[in-house]
Amino acid sequence: MTSLTQTIIDRLQTLPLQRQQQVLATLEDEDLLSNISPAELHALSAIALSPPLQTQLSDLLDRNSENQLSPEELTHLDRILEQVDQLNLLKARARYTLDHFRKANLA
C-alpha cells in the first residue's frame, strides 16, 4: 500500500462513522465529478451551446421538420444533437455532484 493511500485511510478513520460512509459513497459513485472544484462544477452546470451553433441547430431543426435537409445536413444535425446530448449529460452530472457535495457538506 502506498503512503498516500495509507494517509487517506488513516485520516478517514478519524472521522465519525456516518462521515466515513458519506466519503466512501462519494468515492464509489461513478456519476460524481469528484475531481472538479465546486466553482468549476457551477460553471459546467450553466454551460450552453455557443450562439452560432445554437443558430445552426435551430435552422437545421426547422428545415428538417419540413424535410428540406440534404443527407450531409442530416448528418451534421445528428452530430450537433449528439453534442447537445453529451453536454446535457455533463451538466446533469455537475448538478448531481454539487447536490451530493452540498448534502455531504463538501462544497
Protein backbone atom coordinates (compact mmCIF):
# COMPACT_ATOMS: atom_id res chain seq x y z
CA MET A 1 0.00 0.00 0.00
CA THR A 2 1.38 3.44 -0.91
CA SER A 3 1.99 6.04 1.75
CA LEU A 4 -0.68 8.29 0.21
CA THR A 5 -3.25 5.51 0.40
CA GLN A 6 -2.29 4.82 4.00
CA THR A 7 -2.54 8.54 4.84
CA ILE A 8 -6.03 8.68 3.33
CA ILE A 9 -7.12 5.59 5.25
CA ASP A 10 -5.67 6.97 8.49
CA ARG A 11 -7.48 10.28 8.05
CA LEU A 12 -10.71 8.59 7.05
CA GLN A 13 -10.63 6.54 10.25
CA THR A 14 -10.52 9.72 12.35
CA LEU A 15 -13.93 10.78 11.01
CA PRO A 16 -17.24 9.80 12.60
CA LEU A 17 -18.70 6.62 11.09
CA GLN A 18 -21.51 8.45 9.27
CA ARG A 19 -19.00 10.83 7.65
CA GLN A 20 -16.78 7.88 6.66
CA GLN A 21 -19.77 6.31 4.91
CA GLN A 22 -20.50 9.56 3.06
CA VAL A 23 -16.91 9.86 1.86
CA LEU A 24 -16.81 6.23 0.76
CA ALA A 25 -20.13 6.58 -1.08
CA THR A 26 -18.70 9.59 -2.89
CA LEU A 27 -15.64 7.61 -3.96
CA GLU A 28 -17.79 4.75 -5.26
CA ASP A 29 -20.31 6.82 -7.25
CA GLU A 30 -19.19 6.82 -10.88
CA ASP A 31 -21.59 9.62 -11.83
CA LEU A 32 -19.89 12.09 -9.49
CA LEU A 33 -17.38 14.52 -10.95
CA SER A 34 -15.40 14.44 -7.72
CA ASN A 35 -12.12 15.69 -9.21
CA ILE A 36 -13.61 19.08 -10.17
CA SER A 37 -13.84 22.09 -7.88
CA PRO A 38 -17.23 23.49 -6.85
CA ALA A 39 -16.58 26.63 -8.92
CA GLU A 40 -15.89 24.50 -11.99
CA LEU A 41 -18.99 22.41 -11.30
CA HIS A 42 -21.12 25.57 -11.15
CA ALA A 43 -19.62 26.70 -14.47
CA LEU A 44 -20.28 23.31 -16.06
CA SER A 45 -23.86 23.23 -14.83
CA ALA A 46 -24.52 26.55 -16.59
CA ILE A 47 -22.72 25.81 -19.86
CA ALA A 48 -24.64 26.18 -23.13
CA LEU A 49 -24.14 25.81 -26.85
CA SER A 50 -22.34 28.69 -28.47
CA PRO A 51 -24.72 31.18 -30.12
CA PRO A 52 -23.56 30.29 -33.66
CA LEU A 53 -24.05 26.58 -33.01
CA GLN A 54 -27.46 27.22 -31.42
CA THR A 55 -28.47 29.22 -34.51
CA GLN A 56 -27.28 26.39 -36.76
CA LEU A 57 -29.20 23.85 -34.71
CA SER A 58 -32.40 25.90 -34.82
CA ASP A 59 -32.11 26.34 -38.57
CA LEU A 60 -31.43 22.66 -39.19
CA LEU A 61 -34.30 21.58 -36.94
CA ASP A 62 -36.70 23.96 -38.68
CA ARG A 63 -35.64 22.78 -42.11
CA ASN A 64 -35.70 19.15 -41.00
CA SER A 65 -39.32 19.48 -39.86
CA GLU A 66 -40.11 20.49 -43.45
CA ASN A 67 -38.00 17.64 -44.91
CA GLN A 68 -35.62 20.11 -46.56
CA LEU A 69 -32.25 18.73 -45.44
CA SER A 70 -29.67 17.08 -47.64
CA PRO A 71 -28.06 13.85 -46.43
CA GLU A 72 -24.97 15.85 -45.41
CA GLU A 73 -27.09 18.30 -43.43
CA LEU A 74 -28.89 15.42 -41.71
CA THR A 75 -25.51 14.01 -40.69
CA HIS A 76 -24.47 17.43 -39.40
CA LEU A 77 -27.74 17.75 -37.45
CA ASP A 78 -27.15 14.32 -35.90
CA ARG A 79 -23.65 15.38 -34.82
CA ILE A 80 -24.94 18.59 -33.21
CA LEU A 81 -27.72 16.68 -31.42
CA GLU A 82 -25.13 14.20 -30.14
CA GLN A 83 -23.10 17.14 -28.79
CA VAL A 84 -26.23 18.53 -27.12
CA ASP A 85 -26.90 15.14 -25.51
CA GLN A 86 -23.31 14.93 -24.21
CA LEU A 87 -23.49 18.50 -22.93
CA ASN A 88 -26.76 17.81 -21.13
CA LEU A 89 -25.29 14.69 -19.52
CA LEU A 90 -22.26 16.64 -18.34
CA LYS A 91 -24.47 19.42 -16.95
CA ALA A 92 -26.63 16.86 -15.15
CA ARG A 93 -23.56 15.18 -13.63
CA ALA A 94 -22.23 18.57 -12.50
CA ARG A 95 -25.55 19.41 -10.83
CA TYR A 96 -25.76 15.93 -9.30
CA THR A 97 -22.22 16.29 -7.93
CA LEU A 98 -22.94 19.74 -6.49
CA ASP A 99 -26.09 18.43 -4.84
CA HIS A 100 -24.26 15.42 -3.44
CA PHE A 101 -21.41 17.56 -2.10
CA ARG A 102 -23.88 20.04 -0.62
CA LYS A 103 -25.67 17.23 1.22
CA ALA A 104 -22.33 15.85 2.44
CA ASN A 105 -21.11 19.35 3.37
CA LEU A 106 -18.15 19.10 0.97
CA ALA A 107 -18.94 22.20 -1.08
